[in-house]
Amino acid sequence: MKEKLYNLEERLVRFAGEVINFCNSLPKSQSGLYYSDQIMRSSGSAALNYGEAQGANTSKDFIHKMSIVLKELKETRVSLKILNYVNQGEEEKRNWLLKEVNELVPISAKMILNKKRANS
């Protein structure tokens, strides 16, 4: 969609915003409305929980919030895979979202792992 961002918060915000744009291309059918709601909530939750993780008072709280980020990104990824399987939504945006979420998941997982290692 745009140039590569290296700030995770900005990437998560852009990702959630692009999900909203993508949802506008989904059909107004039962499945389109269902998955639109799902991916908007899960991608938005990932961005919001990352913001909370940044303000965490303890490593344990940071890990917990980042675990939620990771869970929500994985949920978004599965929903996007389903939409990809049934070929719903604008193809170019869908492919970009799948590529982006496939990069965001390991970044988030690595942050959790690094924090756990630092606390060992």
N, C-alpha and C. Protein backbone atom coordinates (compact mmCIF):
# COMPACT_ATOMS: atom_id res chain seq x y z
N MET A 1 0.83 -1.16 0.00
CA MET A 1 0.00 0.00 0.00
C MET A 1 0.89 1.25 0.00
N LYS A 2 1.77 1.35 0.98
CA LYS A 2 2.68 2.49 1.07
C LYS A 2 4.07 1.96 1.37
N GLU A 3 4.99 2.88 1.65
CA GLU A 3 6.35 2.48 1.96
C GLU A 3 6.40 1.66 3.25
N LYS A 4 7.48 0.94 3.41
CA LYS A 4 7.68 0.09 4.58
C LYS A 4 7.88 0.95 5.82
N LEU A 5 7.14 0.65 6.88
CA LEU A 5 7.30 1.33 8.16
C LEU A 5 8.11 0.44 9.09
N TYR A 6 8.94 1.04 9.92
CA TYR A 6 9.76 0.26 10.85
C TYR A 6 9.35 0.48 12.30
N ASN A 7 8.36 1.30 12.53
CA ASN A 7 7.82 1.53 13.86
C ASN A 7 6.60 0.62 14.00
N LEU A 8 6.63 -0.31 14.96
CA LEU A 8 5.57 -1.30 15.07
C LEU A 8 4.22 -0.66 15.33
N GLU A 9 4.18 0.35 16.18
CA GLU A 9 2.89 1.00 16.45
C GLU A 9 2.30 1.57 15.16
N GLU A 10 3.13 2.23 14.37
CA GLU A 10 2.65 2.80 13.11
C GLU A 10 2.18 1.72 12.15
N ARG A 11 2.91 0.60 12.12
CA ARG A 11 2.50 -0.51 11.24
C ARG A 11 1.17 -1.09 11.68
N LEU A 12 0.98 -1.26 12.99
CA LEU A 12 -0.28 -1.80 13.48
C LEU A 12 -1.45 -0.86 13.23
N VAL A 13 -1.21 0.44 13.39
CA VAL A 13 -2.25 1.44 13.11
C VAL A 13 -2.59 1.42 11.62
N ARG A 14 -1.57 1.43 10.78
CA ARG A 14 -1.82 1.38 9.33
C ARG A 14 -2.54 0.10 8.95
N PHE A 15 -2.12 -1.03 9.53
CA PHE A 15 -2.75 -2.32 9.24
C PHE A 15 -4.24 -2.27 9.59
N ALA A 16 -4.57 -1.78 10.79
CA ALA A 16 -5.97 -1.68 11.20
C ALA A 16 -6.75 -0.75 10.26
N GLY A 17 -6.13 0.34 9.85
CA GLY A 17 -6.77 1.27 8.93
C GLY A 17 -7.00 0.65 7.56
N GLU A 18 -6.01 -0.09 7.07
CA GLU A 18 -6.16 -0.76 5.78
C GLU A 18 -7.20 -1.87 5.84
N VAL A 19 -7.34 -2.51 7.00
CA VAL A 19 -8.41 -3.50 7.17
C VAL A 19 -9.77 -2.82 7.01
N ILE A 20 -9.93 -1.65 7.61
CA ILE A 20 -11.19 -0.92 7.47
C ILE A 20 -11.45 -0.61 6.00
N ASN A 21 -10.43 -0.11 5.30
CA ASN A 21 -10.59 0.17 3.87
C ASN A 21 -10.96 -1.09 3.10
N PHE A 22 -10.30 -2.20 3.41
CA PHE A 22 -10.58 -3.47 2.75
C PHE A 22 -12.01 -3.92 3.00
N CYS A 23 -12.48 -3.74 4.22
CA CYS A 23 -13.83 -4.18 4.56
C CYS A 23 -14.89 -3.46 3.73
N ASN A 24 -14.57 -2.27 3.28
CA ASN A 24 -15.50 -1.54 2.41
C ASN A 24 -15.68 -2.22 1.06
N SER A 25 -14.73 -3.11 0.69
CA SER A 25 -14.85 -3.82 -0.59
C SER A 25 -15.54 -5.18 -0.44
N LEU A 26 -15.85 -5.55 0.80
CA LEU A 26 -16.51 -6.84 1.01
C LEU A 26 -17.99 -6.72 0.66
N PRO A 27 -18.58 -7.81 0.17
CA PRO A 27 -20.01 -7.77 -0.14
C PRO A 27 -20.83 -7.58 1.12
N LYS A 28 -22.00 -7.02 0.97
CA LYS A 28 -22.89 -6.80 2.11
C LYS A 28 -23.74 -8.04 2.39
N SER A 29 -23.15 -9.20 2.14
CA SER A 29 -23.81 -10.48 2.40
C SER A 29 -23.60 -10.87 3.86
N GLN A 30 -24.20 -11.97 4.27
CA GLN A 30 -24.03 -12.44 5.65
C GLN A 30 -22.56 -12.72 5.94
N SER A 31 -21.87 -13.38 5.03
CA SER A 31 -20.45 -13.70 5.26
C SER A 31 -19.59 -12.44 5.22
N GLY A 32 -19.88 -11.54 4.28
CA GLY A 32 -19.10 -10.30 4.19
C GLY A 32 -19.22 -9.46 5.44
N LEU A 33 -20.43 -9.34 5.96
CA LEU A 33 -20.64 -8.56 7.18
C LEU A 33 -19.99 -9.23 8.39
N TYR A 34 -20.09 -10.54 8.46
CA TYR A 34 -19.51 -11.28 9.59
C TYR A 34 -17.99 -11.11 9.63
N TYR A 35 -17.33 -11.38 8.50
CA TYR A 35 -15.87 -11.30 8.48
C TYR A 35 -15.37 -9.86 8.54
N SER A 36 -16.14 -8.94 8.00
CA SER A 36 -15.79 -7.54 8.12
C SER A 36 -15.73 -7.14 9.59
N ASP A 37 -16.76 -7.50 10.33
CA ASP A 37 -16.80 -7.21 11.76
C ASP A 37 -15.64 -7.89 12.50
N GLN A 38 -15.40 -9.15 12.17
CA GLN A 38 -14.32 -9.91 12.83
C GLN A 38 -12.96 -9.27 12.64
N ILE A 39 -12.60 -8.99 11.39
CA ILE A 39 -11.24 -8.50 11.15
C ILE A 39 -11.06 -7.05 11.57
N MET A 40 -12.13 -6.27 11.55
CA MET A 40 -11.99 -4.90 12.05
C MET A 40 -11.75 -4.92 13.56
N ARG A 41 -12.47 -5.79 14.28
CA ARG A 41 -12.29 -5.85 15.74
C ARG A 41 -10.92 -6.43 16.10
N SER A 42 -10.52 -7.52 15.45
CA SER A 42 -9.25 -8.15 15.84
C SER A 42 -8.04 -7.31 15.44
N SER A 43 -8.06 -6.71 14.27
CA SER A 43 -6.90 -5.88 13.87
C SER A 43 -6.84 -4.61 14.71
N GLY A 44 -7.97 -4.02 15.00
CA GLY A 44 -7.99 -2.83 15.86
C GLY A 44 -7.54 -3.15 17.27
N SER A 45 -7.94 -4.32 17.77
CA SER A 45 -7.53 -4.74 19.10
C SER A 45 -6.02 -4.94 19.18
N ALA A 46 -5.43 -5.46 18.12
CA ALA A 46 -3.97 -5.64 18.10
C ALA A 46 -3.27 -4.29 18.27
N ALA A 47 -3.72 -3.29 17.53
CA ALA A 47 -3.11 -1.96 17.62
C ALA A 47 -3.33 -1.35 19.00
N LEU A 48 -4.54 -1.46 19.52
CA LEU A 48 -4.85 -0.87 20.83
C LEU A 48 -4.09 -1.56 21.96
N ASN A 49 -3.99 -2.87 21.91
CA ASN A 49 -3.27 -3.58 22.96
C ASN A 49 -1.77 -3.34 22.88
N TYR A 50 -1.25 -3.08 21.68
CA TYR A 50 0.16 -2.71 21.59
C TYR A 50 0.39 -1.38 22.30
N GLY A 51 -0.53 -0.46 22.13
CA GLY A 51 -0.44 0.82 22.84
C GLY A 51 -0.43 0.61 24.34
N GLU A 52 -1.26 -0.30 24.83
CA GLU A 52 -1.27 -0.61 26.26
C GLU A 52 0.03 -1.28 26.69
N ALA A 53 0.57 -2.14 25.85
CA ALA A 53 1.84 -2.81 26.18
C ALA A 53 2.96 -1.79 26.34
N GLN A 54 2.93 -0.75 25.55
CA GLN A 54 3.97 0.28 25.63
C GLN A 54 3.94 0.99 26.98
N GLY A 55 2.79 1.01 27.63
CA GLY A 55 2.68 1.66 28.93
C GLY A 55 2.69 0.68 30.09
N ALA A 56 3.04 -0.57 29.82
CA ALA A 56 3.04 -1.59 30.87
C ALA A 56 4.02 -1.23 31.98
N ASN A 57 3.60 -1.49 33.21
CA ASN A 57 4.45 -1.18 34.36
C ASN A 57 5.44 -2.29 34.68
N THR A 58 5.13 -3.50 34.26
CA THR A 58 6.01 -4.64 34.56
C THR A 58 6.25 -5.45 33.29
N SER A 59 7.28 -6.25 33.32
CA SER A 59 7.56 -7.15 32.20
C SER A 59 6.42 -8.15 32.02
N LYS A 60 5.88 -8.62 33.13
CA LYS A 60 4.78 -9.58 33.07
C LYS A 60 3.57 -8.96 32.36
N ASP A 61 3.26 -7.72 32.68
CA ASP A 61 2.15 -7.03 32.04
C ASP A 61 2.43 -6.81 30.55
N PHE A 62 3.67 -6.44 30.21
CA PHE A 62 4.06 -6.26 28.81
C PHE A 62 3.86 -7.56 28.04
N ILE A 63 4.33 -8.66 28.61
CA ILE A 63 4.20 -9.96 27.95
C ILE A 63 2.73 -10.32 27.77
N HIS A 64 1.93 -10.06 28.78
CA HIS A 64 0.50 -10.35 28.70
C HIS A 64 -0.16 -9.55 27.58
N LYS A 65 0.10 -8.24 27.53
CA LYS A 65 -0.50 -7.39 26.50
C LYS A 65 0.00 -7.79 25.10
N MET A 66 1.27 -8.09 24.98
CA MET A 66 1.81 -8.51 23.68
C MET A 66 1.25 -9.87 23.27
N SER A 67 0.94 -10.71 24.24
CA SER A 67 0.31 -12.00 23.92
C SER A 67 -1.08 -11.77 23.32
N ILE A 68 -1.77 -10.76 23.81
CA ILE A 68 -3.08 -10.42 23.25
C ILE A 68 -2.90 -9.89 21.82
N VAL A 69 -1.89 -9.04 21.62
CA VAL A 69 -1.59 -8.53 20.28
C VAL A 69 -1.38 -9.70 19.33
N LEU A 70 -0.56 -10.65 19.74
CA LEU A 70 -0.25 -11.81 18.91
C LEU A 70 -1.51 -12.63 18.62
N LYS A 71 -2.32 -12.87 19.64
CA LYS A 71 -3.56 -13.63 19.48
C LYS A 71 -4.48 -12.94 18.47
N GLU A 72 -4.64 -11.63 18.60
CA GLU A 72 -5.53 -10.89 17.71
C GLU A 72 -5.00 -10.88 16.27
N LEU A 73 -3.69 -10.77 16.10
CA LEU A 73 -3.13 -10.82 14.76
C LEU A 73 -3.34 -12.19 14.12
N LYS A 74 -3.18 -13.25 14.92
CA LYS A 74 -3.41 -14.59 14.38
C LYS A 74 -4.87 -14.79 14.01
N GLU A 75 -5.77 -14.24 14.80
CA GLU A 75 -7.19 -14.31 14.48
C GLU A 75 -7.48 -13.57 13.17
N THR A 76 -6.90 -12.40 13.02
CA THR A 76 -7.07 -11.63 11.79
C THR A 76 -6.54 -12.41 10.60
N ARG A 77 -5.39 -13.03 10.77
CA ARG A 77 -4.78 -13.80 9.68
C ARG A 77 -5.68 -14.94 9.23
N VAL A 78 -6.26 -15.67 10.16
CA VAL A 78 -7.14 -16.78 9.80
C VAL A 78 -8.37 -16.27 9.05
N SER A 79 -8.95 -15.18 9.54
CA SER A 79 -10.12 -14.61 8.85
C SER A 79 -9.75 -14.17 7.44
N LEU A 80 -8.59 -13.55 7.28
CA LEU A 80 -8.15 -13.14 5.94
C LEU A 80 -7.90 -14.35 5.04
N LYS A 81 -7.39 -15.43 5.60
CA LYS A 81 -7.19 -16.65 4.81
C LYS A 81 -8.52 -17.21 4.34
N ILE A 82 -9.52 -17.15 5.20
CA ILE A 82 -10.86 -17.62 4.81
C ILE A 82 -11.40 -16.75 3.68
N LEU A 83 -11.28 -15.44 3.82
CA LEU A 83 -11.74 -14.54 2.77
C LEU A 83 -10.97 -14.76 1.48
N ASN A 84 -9.70 -15.06 1.60
CA ASN A 84 -8.89 -15.36 0.43
C ASN A 84 -9.39 -16.64 -0.24
N TYR A 85 -9.70 -17.63 0.56
CA TYR A 85 -10.18 -18.92 0.04
C TYR A 85 -11.46 -18.75 -0.77
N VAL A 86 -12.36 -17.90 -0.28
CA VAL A 86 -13.63 -17.69 -0.98
C VAL A 86 -13.57 -16.50 -1.95
N ASN A 87 -12.38 -15.90 -2.07
CA ASN A 87 -12.13 -14.82 -3.02
C ASN A 87 -13.06 -13.62 -2.80
N GLN A 88 -13.18 -13.19 -1.54
CA GLN A 88 -14.01 -12.03 -1.23
C GLN A 88 -13.14 -10.82 -0.93
N GLY A 89 -13.58 -9.68 -1.39
CA GLY A 89 -12.85 -8.43 -1.17
C GLY A 89 -11.88 -8.15 -2.29
N GLU A 90 -11.39 -6.94 -2.31
CA GLU A 90 -10.46 -6.52 -3.35
C GLU A 90 -9.16 -7.32 -3.24
N GLU A 91 -8.81 -8.02 -4.30
CA GLU A 91 -7.69 -8.95 -4.28
C GLU A 91 -6.37 -8.31 -3.89
N GLU A 92 -6.04 -7.16 -4.45
CA GLU A 92 -4.76 -6.51 -4.16
C GLU A 92 -4.65 -6.15 -2.67
N LYS A 93 -5.71 -5.58 -2.12
CA LYS A 93 -5.71 -5.23 -0.70
C LYS A 93 -5.65 -6.49 0.16
N ARG A 94 -6.40 -7.51 -0.22
CA ARG A 94 -6.40 -8.76 0.55
C ARG A 94 -5.00 -9.37 0.58
N ASN A 95 -4.33 -9.39 -0.56
CA ASN A 95 -2.97 -9.94 -0.63
C ASN A 95 -2.00 -9.11 0.21
N TRP A 96 -2.14 -7.78 0.17
CA TRP A 96 -1.26 -6.93 0.97
C TRP A 96 -1.49 -7.19 2.46
N LEU A 97 -2.76 -7.28 2.87
CA LEU A 97 -3.07 -7.53 4.28
C LEU A 97 -2.52 -8.87 4.74
N LEU A 98 -2.64 -9.89 3.92
CA LEU A 98 -2.09 -11.20 4.27
C LEU A 98 -0.57 -11.14 4.41
N LYS A 99 0.08 -10.45 3.50
CA LYS A 99 1.54 -10.32 3.57
C LYS A 99 1.94 -9.57 4.85
N GLU A 100 1.23 -8.47 5.12
CA GLU A 100 1.55 -7.65 6.29
C GLU A 100 1.33 -8.42 7.59
N VAL A 101 0.21 -9.11 7.71
CA VAL A 101 -0.06 -9.84 8.95
C VAL A 101 0.94 -10.98 9.12
N ASN A 102 1.40 -11.56 8.01
CA ASN A 102 2.41 -12.61 8.09
C ASN A 102 3.77 -12.07 8.51
N GLU A 103 3.98 -10.78 8.44
CA GLU A 103 5.19 -10.15 8.97
C GLU A 103 4.97 -9.69 10.42
N LEU A 104 3.78 -9.20 10.73
CA LEU A 104 3.49 -8.69 12.07
C LEU A 104 3.46 -9.80 13.12
N VAL A 105 2.98 -10.98 12.76
CA VAL A 105 2.90 -12.08 13.72
C VAL A 105 4.27 -12.46 14.26
N PRO A 106 5.26 -12.74 13.41
CA PRO A 106 6.57 -13.11 13.98
C PRO A 106 7.28 -11.96 14.70
N ILE A 107 7.03 -10.73 14.28
CA ILE A 107 7.62 -9.59 15.00
C ILE A 107 7.09 -9.56 16.43
N SER A 108 5.78 -9.71 16.57
CA SER A 108 5.15 -9.69 17.90
C SER A 108 5.62 -10.87 18.74
N ALA A 109 5.70 -12.04 18.13
CA ALA A 109 6.15 -13.23 18.85
C ALA A 109 7.59 -13.05 19.33
N LYS A 110 8.42 -12.45 18.50
CA LYS A 110 9.83 -12.22 18.86
C LYS A 110 9.95 -11.23 20.02
N MET A 111 9.10 -10.23 20.04
CA MET A 111 9.13 -9.26 21.15
C MET A 111 8.79 -9.95 22.47
N ILE A 112 7.84 -10.85 22.44
CA ILE A 112 7.47 -11.61 23.64
C ILE A 112 8.64 -12.48 24.07
N LEU A 113 9.22 -13.20 23.14
CA LEU A 113 10.34 -14.09 23.43
C LEU A 113 11.53 -13.30 23.99
N ASN A 114 11.83 -12.17 23.39
CA ASN A 114 12.96 -11.34 23.85
C ASN A 114 12.73 -10.84 25.28
N LYS A 115 11.50 -10.43 25.59
CA LYS A 115 11.20 -9.95 26.94
C LYS A 115 11.30 -11.10 27.94
N LYS A 116 10.84 -12.28 27.56
CA LYS A 116 10.93 -13.44 28.45
C LYS A 116 12.40 -13.80 28.70
N ARG A 117 13.22 -13.75 27.66
CA ARG A 117 14.65 -14.05 27.81
C ARG A 117 15.33 -13.02 28.70
N ALA A 118 14.96 -11.78 28.55
CA ALA A 118 15.57 -10.71 29.34
C ALA A 118 15.24 -10.86 30.83
N ASN A 119 14.11 -11.49 31.12
CA ASN A 119 13.68 -11.68 32.50
C ASN A 119 14.20 -12.97 33.11
N SER A 120 14.84 -13.80 32.32
CA SER A 120 15.35 -15.09 32.83
C SER A 120 16.66 -14.97 33.55
